[in-house]
PDB file of N, CA and C in Angstrom:
ATOM      1  N   MET A   1       7.915  -0.164  11.275  1.00  0.00           N
ATOM      2  CA  MET A   1       6.826  -0.534  11.443  1.00  0.00           C
ATOM      3  C   MET A   1       7.488  -1.703  13.251  1.00  0.00           C
ATOM      4  N   LEU A   2       8.338  -1.824  13.176  1.00  0.00           N
ATOM      5  CA  LEU A   2       7.666  -2.801  14.639  1.00  0.00           C
ATOM      6  C   LEU A   2       7.990  -1.900  15.273  1.00  0.00           C
ATOM      7  N   ARG A   3       8.372  -0.847  15.334  1.00  0.00           N
ATOM      8  CA  ARG A   3       8.856   0.999  16.604  1.00  0.00           C
ATOM      9  C   ARG A   3       7.138   0.850  16.742  1.00  0.00           C
ATOM     10  N   ALA A   4       6.383   1.113  15.450  1.00  0.00           N
ATOM     11  CA  ALA A   4       5.457   1.389  15.875  1.00  0.00           C
ATOM     12  C   ALA A   4       5.536   1.023  16.528  1.00  0.00           C
ATOM     13  N   PHE A   5       4.975  -0.214  16.165  1.00  0.00           N
ATOM     14  CA  PHE A   5       4.212  -1.600  17.253  1.00  0.00           C
ATOM     15  C   PHE A   5       4.704  -1.224  18.424  1.00  0.00           C
ATOM     16  N   HIS A   6       5.852  -1.260  18.622  1.00  0.00           N
ATOM     17  CA  HIS A   6       6.193  -1.853  20.100  1.00  0.00           C
ATOM     18  C   HIS A   6       5.099  -0.694  20.522  1.00  0.00           C
ATOM     19  N   ALA A   7       6.042   0.629  20.042  1.00  0.00           N
ATOM     20  CA  ALA A   7       5.383   2.256  20.957  1.00  0.00           C
ATOM     21  C   ALA A   7       3.956   1.901  21.055  1.00  0.00           C
ATOM     22  N   ALA A   8       2.815   1.712  20.069  1.00  0.00           N
ATOM     23  CA  ALA A   8       1.581   1.501  20.164  1.00  0.00           C
ATOM     24  C   ALA A   8       0.946   0.412  20.906  1.00  0.00           C
ATOM     25  N   LEU A   9       1.440  -0.202  21.723  1.00  0.00           N
ATOM     26  CA  LEU A   9       1.536  -1.634  22.040  1.00  0.00           C
ATOM     27  C   LEU A   9       1.526  -0.705  22.835  1.00  0.00           C
ATOM     28  N   ARG A  10       2.284  -0.407  23.908  1.00  0.00           N
ATOM     29  CA  ARG A  10       3.412   0.006  24.909  1.00  0.00           C
ATOM     30  C   ARG A  10       3.379   1.489  26.004  1.00  0.00           C
ATOM     31  N   ASN A  11       2.454   2.360  24.553  1.00  0.00           N
ATOM     32  CA  ASN A  11       1.693   3.839  24.435  1.00  0.00           C
ATOM     33  C   ASN A  11      -0.241   3.334  25.355  1.00  0.00           C
ATOM     34  N   SER A  12      -0.426   2.083  25.912  1.00  0.00           N
ATOM     35  CA  SER A  12      -1.913   1.799  25.175  1.00  0.00           C
ATOM     36  C   SER A  12      -2.866   1.702  26.962  1.00  0.00           C
ATOM     37  N   PRO A  13      -3.377   2.943  26.755  1.00  0.00           N
ATOM     38  CA  PRO A  13      -4.359   3.960  28.167  1.00  0.00           C
ATOM     39  C   PRO A  13      -5.052   2.780  28.071  1.00  0.00           C
ATOM     40  N   VAL A  14      -4.116   1.720  29.504  1.00  0.00           N
ATOM     41  CA  VAL A  14      -5.114  -0.371  29.749  1.00  0.00           C
ATOM     42  C   VAL A  14      -5.820   0.800  31.240  1.00  0.00           C
ATOM     43  N   ASN A  15      -5.329   1.693  31.956  1.00  0.00           N
ATOM     44  CA  ASN A  15      -5.814   1.697  32.974  1.00  0.00           C
ATOM     45  C   ASN A  15      -6.947   2.908  33.524  1.00  0.00           C
ATOM     46  N   THR A  16      -6.765   3.290  31.836  1.00  0.00           N
ATOM     47  CA  THR A  16      -8.006   4.774  32.549  1.00  0.00           C
ATOM     48  C   THR A  16      -9.763   5.025  31.666  1.00  0.00           C
ATOM     49  N   LYS A  17     -11.152   4.856  32.406  1.00  0.00           N
ATOM     50  CA  LYS A  17     -11.863   4.745  32.235  1.00  0.00           C
ATOM     51  C   LYS A  17     -12.870   5.750  31.042  1.00  0.00           C
ATOM     52  N   ASN A  18     -11.176   6.593  30.115  1.00  0.00           N
ATOM     53  CA  ASN A  18     -12.275   7.043  28.561  1.00  0.00           C
ATOM     54  C   ASN A  18     -11.854   6.732  27.996  1.00  0.00           C
ATOM     55  N   GLN A  19     -13.340   6.860  27.396  1.00  0.00           N
ATOM     56  CA  GLN A  19     -13.699   6.073  26.493  1.00  0.00           C
ATOM     57  C   GLN A  19     -13.270   6.280  25.383  1.00  0.00           C
ATOM     58  N   ALA A  20     -13.381   7.494  25.287  1.00  0.00           N
ATOM     59  CA  ALA A  20     -11.939   8.098  23.344  1.00  0.00           C
ATOM     60  C   ALA A  20     -11.026   7.948  23.604  1.00  0.00           C
ATOM     61  N   VAL A  21     -10.282   8.273  24.938  1.00  0.00           N
ATOM     62  CA  VAL A  21      -8.900   7.656  24.551  1.00  0.00           C
ATOM     63  C   VAL A  21      -8.777   6.249  24.554  1.00  0.00           C
ATOM     64  N   LYS A  22      -9.521   5.276  24.731  1.00  0.00           N
ATOM     65  CA  LYS A  22      -9.218   3.366  24.251  1.00  0.00           C
ATOM     66  C   LYS A  22     -10.038   3.983  22.540  1.00  0.00           C
ATOM     67  N   GLU A  23     -10.469   4.508  22.423  1.00  0.00           N
ATOM     68  CA  GLU A  23     -10.776   4.679  20.843  1.00  0.00           C
ATOM     69  C   GLU A  23     -10.236   5.495  19.880  1.00  0.00           C
ATOM     70  N   ARG A  24      -9.109   6.045  20.811  1.00  0.00           N
ATOM     71  CA  ARG A  24      -8.283   6.407  19.223  1.00  0.00           C
ATOM     72  C   ARG A  24      -6.691   5.431  19.275  1.00  0.00           C
ATOM     73  N   ALA A  25      -6.804   5.171  20.778  1.00  0.00           N
ATOM     74  CA  ALA A  25      -5.477   4.290  20.950  1.00  0.00           C
ATOM     75  C   ALA A  25      -6.167   2.990  20.083  1.00  0.00           C
ATOM     76  N   GLN A  26      -6.525   2.443  19.922  1.00  0.00           N
ATOM     77  CA  GLN A  26      -7.697   1.070  18.707  1.00  0.00           C
ATOM     78  C   GLN A  26      -7.323   1.056  17.882  1.00  0.00           C
ATOM     79  N   GLY A  27      -7.940   3.003  17.233  1.00  0.00           N
ATOM     80  CA  GLY A  27      -8.141   3.500  15.779  1.00  0.00           C
ATOM     81  C   GLY A  27      -6.471   3.171  15.500  1.00  0.00           C
ATOM     82  N   VAL A  28      -5.499   4.018  15.968  1.00  0.00           N
ATOM     83  CA  VAL A  28      -3.789   3.450  16.070  1.00  0.00           C
ATOM     84  C   VAL A  28      -3.235   2.712  15.480  1.00  0.00           C
ATOM     85  N   VAL A  29      -4.091   1.432  16.982  1.00  0.00           N
ATOM     86  CA  VAL A  29      -3.036   0.220  16.868  1.00  0.00           C
ATOM     87  C   VAL A  29      -3.547  -0.642  15.354  1.00  0.00           C
ATOM     88  N   LEU A  30      -4.977  -0.473  14.817  1.00  0.00           N
ATOM     89  CA  LEU A  30      -5.252  -1.750  14.585  1.00  0.00           C
ATOM     90  C   LEU A  30      -4.740  -0.647  12.523  1.00  0.00           C
ATOM     91  N   LYS A  31      -4.232   0.145  12.793  1.00  0.00           N
ATOM     92  CA  LYS A  31      -3.990   1.022  11.099  1.00  0.00           C
ATOM     93  C   LYS A  31      -2.181   0.779  11.479  1.00  0.00           C
ATOM     94  N   VAL A  32      -1.288   0.926  12.583  1.00  0.00           N
ATOM     95  CA  VAL A  32      -0.495  -0.042  13.164  1.00  0.00           C
ATOM     96  C   VAL A  32      -0.301  -1.542  12.417  1.00  0.00           C
ATOM     97  N   LEU A  33      -1.014  -2.271  12.800  1.00  0.00           N
ATOM     98  CA  LEU A  33      -2.025  -3.286  12.526  1.00  0.00           C
ATOM     99  C   LEU A  33      -2.069  -3.625  10.375  1.00  0.00           C
ATOM    100  N   THR A  34      -3.136  -3.570  10.135  1.00  0.00           N
ATOM    101  CA  THR A  34      -3.067  -3.402   9.297  1.00  0.00           C
ATOM    102  C   THR A  34      -1.738  -3.103   8.620  1.00  0.00           C
ATOM    103  N   ASN A  35      -0.833  -1.809   8.613  1.00  0.00           N
ATOM    104  CA  ASN A  35      -0.033  -1.516   7.303  1.00  0.00           C
ATOM    105  C   ASN A  35       1.459  -2.566   7.671  1.00  0.00           C
ATOM    106  N   PHE A  36       0.861  -3.728   7.739  1.00  0.00           N
ATOM    107  CA  PHE A  36       2.147  -4.851   8.044  1.00  0.00           C
ATOM    108  C   PHE A  36       2.051  -5.313   6.623  1.00  0.00           C
ATOM    109  N   LYS A  37       3.260  -5.877   6.535  1.00  0.00           N
ATOM    110  CA  LYS A  37       3.211  -7.091   5.636  1.00  0.00           C
ATOM    111  C   LYS A  37       2.759  -7.995   6.122  1.00  0.00           C
ATOM    112  N   SER A  38       2.584  -9.351   5.466  1.00  0.00           N
ATOM    113  CA  SER A  38       2.253 -10.834   6.410  1.00  0.00           C
ATOM    114  C   SER A  38       3.434 -11.458   6.285  1.00  0.00           C
ATOM    115  N   SER A  39       4.796 -11.413   5.873  1.00  0.00           N
ATOM    116  CA  SER A  39       6.026 -11.693   6.086  1.00  0.00           C
ATOM    117  C   SER A  39       6.303 -11.603   7.483  1.00  0.00           C
ATOM    118  N   GLU A  40       6.516  -9.817   8.054  1.00  0.00           N
ATOM    119  CA  GLU A  40       6.204  -9.814   8.707  1.00  0.00           C
ATOM    120  C   GLU A  40       5.396  -9.815   9.820  1.00  0.00           C
ATOM    121  N   ILE A  41       4.598  -9.890  10.220  1.00  0.00           N
ATOM    122  CA  ILE A  41       3.687 -10.178  11.577  1.00  0.00           C
ATOM    123  C   ILE A  41       3.717 -11.550  12.514  1.00  0.00           C
ATOM    124  N   GLU A  42       5.160 -13.109  12.309  1.00  0.00           N
ATOM    125  CA  GLU A  42       4.962 -13.440  12.804  1.00  0.00           C
ATOM    126  C   GLU A  42       6.767 -13.247  13.530  1.00  0.00           C
ATOM    127  N   GLN A  43       7.282 -12.377  13.058  1.00  0.00           N
ATOM    128  CA  GLN A  43       8.445 -12.103  13.854  1.00  0.00           C
ATOM    129  C   GLN A  43       8.355 -10.500  14.669  1.00  0.00           C
ATOM    130  N   ALA A  44       7.072  -9.700  15.073  1.00  0.00           N
ATOM    131  CA  ALA A  44       6.368  -8.720  15.455  1.00  0.00           C
ATOM    132  C   ALA A  44       6.108  -9.431  16.234  1.00  0.00           C
ATOM    133  N   VAL A  45       4.559 -10.351  16.769  1.00  0.00           N
ATOM    134  CA  VAL A  45       4.621 -11.115  17.165  1.00  0.00           C
ATOM    135  C   VAL A  45       4.993 -11.932  18.893  1.00  0.00           C
ATOM    136  N   GLN A  46       6.748 -12.696  17.782  1.00  0.00           N
ATOM    137  CA  GLN A  46       7.058 -13.161  18.257  1.00  0.00           C
ATOM    138  C   GLN A  46       7.939 -12.407  18.841  1.00  0.00           C
ATOM    139  N   SER A  47       8.599 -11.079  19.353  1.00  0.00           N
ATOM    140  CA  SER A  47       9.408  -9.287  19.872  1.00  0.00           C
ATOM    141  C   SER A  47       8.222  -9.349  21.177  1.00  0.00           C
ATOM    142  N   LEU A  48       7.066  -9.547  21.241  1.00  0.00           N
ATOM    143  CA  LEU A  48       6.561  -9.090  22.699  1.00  0.00           C
ATOM    144  C   LEU A  48       7.179 -10.584  23.993  1.00  0.00           C
ATOM    145  N   ASP A  49       6.316  -9.803  24.822  1.00  0.00           N
ATOM    146  CA  ASP A  49       6.125 -10.140  25.711  1.00  0.00           C
ATOM    147  C   ASP A  49       4.899 -11.347  26.016  1.00  0.00           C
ATOM    148  N   ARG A  50       4.872 -11.560  26.935  1.00  0.00           N
ATOM    149  CA  ARG A  50       3.536 -12.985  27.724  1.00  0.00           C
ATOM    150  C   ARG A  50       2.114 -11.494  28.057  1.00  0.00           C
ATOM    151  N   ASN A  51       2.962 -10.802  28.066  1.00  0.00           N
ATOM    152  CA  ASN A  51       2.084  -9.746  28.856  1.00  0.00           C
ATOM    153  C   ASN A  51       1.182  -8.648  27.267  1.00  0.00           C
ATOM    154  N   GLY A  52       2.705  -8.647  26.559  1.00  0.00           N
ATOM    155  CA  GLY A  52       2.340  -8.732  24.630  1.00  0.00           C
ATOM    156  C   GLY A  52       1.905  -8.452  24.374  1.00  0.00           C
ATOM    157  N   VAL A  53       1.518 -10.010  24.382  1.00  0.00           N
ATOM    158  CA  VAL A  53       0.922 -10.944  23.500  1.00  0.00           C
ATOM    159  C   VAL A  53      -0.259 -11.618  24.248  1.00  0.00           C
ATOM    160  N   ASP A  54      -1.352 -10.718  24.970  1.00  0.00           N
ATOM    161  CA  ASP A  54      -2.115 -10.338  25.820  1.00  0.00           C
ATOM    162  C   ASP A  54      -2.871  -9.309  25.585  1.00  0.00           C
ATOM    163  N   LEU A  55      -1.765  -8.704  25.344  1.00  0.00           N
ATOM    164  CA  LEU A  55      -2.957  -7.335  25.268  1.00  0.00           C
ATOM    165  C   LEU A  55      -3.357  -7.435  24.108  1.00  0.00           C
ATOM    166  N   LEU A  56      -2.309  -7.257  22.676  1.00  0.00           N
ATOM    167  CA  LEU A  56      -1.780  -7.678  21.486  1.00  0.00           C
ATOM    168  C   LEU A  56      -3.885  -8.983  21.053  1.00  0.00           C
ATOM    169  N   MET A  57      -4.066  -9.278  21.196  1.00  0.00           N
ATOM    170  CA  MET A  57      -4.626 -10.650  20.899  1.00  0.00           C
ATOM    171  C   MET A  57      -6.109  -9.082  21.377  1.00  0.00           C
ATOM    172  N   LYS A  58      -6.306  -8.822  22.604  1.00  0.00           N
ATOM    173  CA  LYS A  58      -7.205  -7.759  23.451  1.00  0.00           C
ATOM    174  C   LYS A  58      -7.683  -7.012  22.013  1.00  0.00           C
ATOM    175  N   TYR A  59      -7.104  -6.436  21.424  1.00  0.00           N
ATOM    176  CA  TYR A  59      -6.812  -5.175  20.775  1.00  0.00           C
ATOM    177  C   TYR A  59      -7.616  -5.746  18.983  1.00  0.00           C
ATOM    178  N   ILE A  60      -6.717  -7.230  19.234  1.00  0.00           N
ATOM    179  CA  ILE A  60      -7.437  -8.482  17.871  1.00  0.00           C
ATOM    180  C   ILE A  60      -8.828  -7.917  17.690  1.00  0.00           C
ATOM    181  N   TYR A  61      -9.330  -8.640  18.999  1.00  0.00           N
ATOM    182  CA  TYR A  61     -10.575  -9.393  19.003  1.00  0.00           C
ATOM    183  C   TYR A  61     -11.788  -7.899  19.147  1.00  0.00           C
ATOM    184  N   LYS A  62     -10.852  -6.238  19.622  1.00  0.00           N
ATOM    185  CA  LYS A  62     -11.915  -5.521  19.663  1.00  0.00           C
ATOM    186  C   LYS A  62     -11.949  -4.824  18.750  1.00  0.00           C
ATOM    187  N   GLY A  63     -10.536  -5.089  17.294  1.00  0.00           N
ATOM    188  CA  GLY A  63     -10.675  -4.748  15.913  1.00  0.00           C
ATOM    189  C   GLY A  63     -11.979  -5.917  14.764  1.00  0.00           C
ATOM    190  N   PHE A  64     -12.331  -6.684  15.156  1.00  0.00           N
ATOM    191  CA  PHE A  64     -13.408  -7.354  15.413  1.00  0.00           C
ATOM    192  C   PHE A  64     -14.981  -7.079  15.174  1.00  0.00           C
ATOM    193  N   GLU A  65     -14.609  -6.714  16.573  1.00  0.00           N
ATOM    194  CA  GLU A  65     -16.671  -6.137  16.653  1.00  0.00           C
ATOM    195  C   GLU A  65     -16.334  -4.746  15.966  1.00  0.00           C
ATOM    196  N   LYS A  66     -15.184  -4.290  15.246  1.00  0.00           N
ATOM    197  CA  LYS A  66     -15.530  -2.745  14.135  1.00  0.00           C
ATOM    198  C   LYS A  66     -14.738  -2.752  13.435  1.00  0.00           C
ATOM    199  N   PRO A  67     -15.273  -4.293  12.502  1.00  0.00           N
ATOM    200  CA  PRO A  67     -14.425  -3.946  11.000  1.00  0.00           C
ATOM    201  C   PRO A  67     -14.768  -2.253  10.226  1.00  0.00           C
ATOM    202  N   THR A  68     -13.497  -3.117   9.293  1.00  0.00           N
ATOM    203  CA  THR A  68     -13.293  -2.110   9.199  1.00  0.00           C
ATOM    204  C   THR A  68     -13.078  -1.999   7.433  1.00  0.00           C
ATOM    205  N   GLU A  69     -12.820  -1.982   6.768  1.00  0.00           N
ATOM    206  CA  GLU A  69     -12.609  -2.151   5.096  1.00  0.00           C
ATOM    207  C   GLU A  69     -11.168  -3.378   5.165  1.00  0.00           C
ATOM    208  N   ASN A  70     -11.122  -4.377   4.777  1.00  0.00           N
ATOM    209  CA  ASN A  70     -10.520  -5.542   4.347  1.00  0.00           C
ATOM    210  C   ASN A  70      -9.880  -5.560   6.084  1.00  0.00           C
ATOM    211  N   SER A  71     -10.333  -4.980   6.782  1.00  0.00           N
ATOM    212  CA  SER A  71      -9.027  -5.150   8.213  1.00  0.00           C
ATOM    213  C   SER A  71      -9.249  -6.690   9.101  1.00  0.00           C
ATOM    214  N   SER A  72     -10.450  -6.957   8.770  1.00  0.00           N
ATOM    215  CA  SER A  72     -10.614  -9.018   9.476  1.00  0.00           C
ATOM    216  C   SER A  72      -9.442  -9.719   8.748  1.00  0.00           C
ATOM    217  N   ALA A  73      -9.575  -9.491   7.580  1.00  0.00           N
ATOM    218  CA  ALA A  73      -8.847 -10.645   7.358  1.00  0.00           C
ATOM    219  C   ALA A  73      -7.358 -10.144   7.734  1.00  0.00           C
ATOM    220  N   VAL A  74      -6.998  -8.869   7.690  1.00  0.00           N
ATOM    221  CA  VAL A  74      -5.563  -9.005   8.864  1.00  0.00           C
ATOM    222  C   VAL A  74      -5.227  -8.658   9.403  1.00  0.00           C
ATOM    223  N   LEU A  75      -7.053  -9.052  10.035  1.00  0.00           N
ATOM    224  CA  LEU A  75      -6.307  -9.651  11.862  1.00  0.00           C
ATOM    225  C   LEU A  75      -6.660 -11.213  11.941  1.00  0.00           C
ATOM    226  N   LEU A  76      -7.351 -11.400  10.698  1.00  0.00           N
ATOM    227  CA  LEU A  76      -6.767 -13.100  11.010  1.00  0.00           C
ATOM    228  C   LEU A  76      -5.369 -14.127  10.551  1.00  0.00           C
ATOM    229  N   GLN A  77      -4.998 -12.629   9.782  1.00  0.00           N
ATOM    230  CA  GLN A  77      -3.571 -12.947  10.717  1.00  0.00           C
ATOM    231  C   GLN A  77      -2.251 -12.296  11.999  1.00  0.00           C
ATOM    232  N   TRP A  78      -2.785 -11.860  12.384  1.00  0.00           N
ATOM    233  CA  TRP A  78      -2.565 -11.417  13.115  1.00  0.00           C
ATOM    234  C   TRP A  78      -2.936 -12.370  15.007  1.00  0.00           C
ATOM    235  N   HIS A  79      -4.225 -12.805  13.877  1.00  0.00           N
ATOM    236  CA  HIS A  79      -4.244 -13.881  15.102  1.00  0.00           C
ATOM    237  C   HIS A  79      -4.098 -15.281  15.650  1.00  0.00           C
ATOM    238  N   GLU A  80      -4.444 -15.238  14.383  1.00  0.00           N
ATOM    239  CA  GLU A  80      -2.721 -16.855  14.419  1.00  0.00           C
ATOM    240  C   GLU A  80      -1.838 -16.922  14.364  1.00  0.00           C
ATOM    241  N   LYS A  81      -1.465 -15.595  14.362  1.00  0.00           N
ATOM    242  CA  LYS A  81       0.020 -15.962  14.557  1.00  0.00           C
ATOM    243  C   LYS A  81       0.184 -15.595  16.460  1.00  0.00           C
ATOM    244  N   ASP A  82      -0.352 -15.018  16.820  1.00  0.00           N
ATOM    245  CA  ASP A  82      -0.498 -14.794  18.569  1.00  0.00           C
ATOM    246  C   ASP A  82      -0.939 -15.953  19.083  1.00  0.00           C
ATOM    247  N   LEU A  83      -2.080 -16.527  18.579  1.00  0.00           N
ATOM    248  CA  LEU A  83      -1.777 -17.585  19.697  1.00  0.00           C
ATOM    249  C   LEU A  83      -1.476 -18.704  18.787  1.00  0.00           C
ATOM    250  N   ILE A  84      -0.936 -18.814  18.004  1.00  0.00           N
ATOM    251  CA  ILE A  84       0.710 -20.156  17.871  1.00  0.00           C
ATOM    252  C   ILE A  84       1.628 -19.233  18.637  1.00  0.00           C
ATOM    253  N   VAL A  85       2.609 -18.412  18.639  1.00  0.00           N
ATOM    254  CA  VAL A  85       3.299 -17.839  20.167  1.00  0.00           C
ATOM    255  C   VAL A  85       2.809 -17.875  21.200  1.00  0.00           C
ATOM    256  N   TYR A  86       1.331 -17.258  21.584  1.00  0.00           N
ATOM    257  CA  TYR A  86       0.529 -17.325  22.695  1.00  0.00           C
ATOM    258  C   TYR A  86       1.105 -18.769  24.009  1.00  0.00           C
ATOM    259  N   ALA A  87       0.811 -20.085  22.798  1.00  0.00           N
ATOM    260  CA  ALA A  87       1.309 -21.439  22.947  1.00  0.00           C
ATOM    261  C   ALA A  87       2.750 -21.396  23.900  1.00  0.00           C
ATOM    262  N   PHE A  88       4.180 -20.536  23.433  1.00  0.00           N
ATOM    263  CA  PHE A  88       4.824 -21.365  23.936  1.00  0.00           C
ATOM    264  C   PHE A  88       4.864 -19.925  24.354  1.00  0.00           C
ATOM    265  N   VAL A  89       4.625 -19.190  24.830  1.00  0.00           N
ATOM    266  CA  VAL A  89       5.090 -17.546  25.867  1.00  0.00           C
ATOM    267  C   VAL A  89       4.843 -18.313  27.271  1.00  0.00           C
TER     268      VAL A  89
END
């Protein structure tokens, strides 16, 4: 799961203006995030550098804009861990 997490963030289309590509990437990241076990979230966030932590937070906020079933609860867990790690990176 950690490999999928890193791949989803590493292949993020941050420089594209194509909205369909951005939405597809958001869907992939959200799917990866919601498939993590709660106990693995902190380790995943800690494996990121500062840019990765920042990018993850952007995806979390985008996920809050378009919630799916149970995604808000999962995203809140990611948000909590991301804020903690962000303070120390």
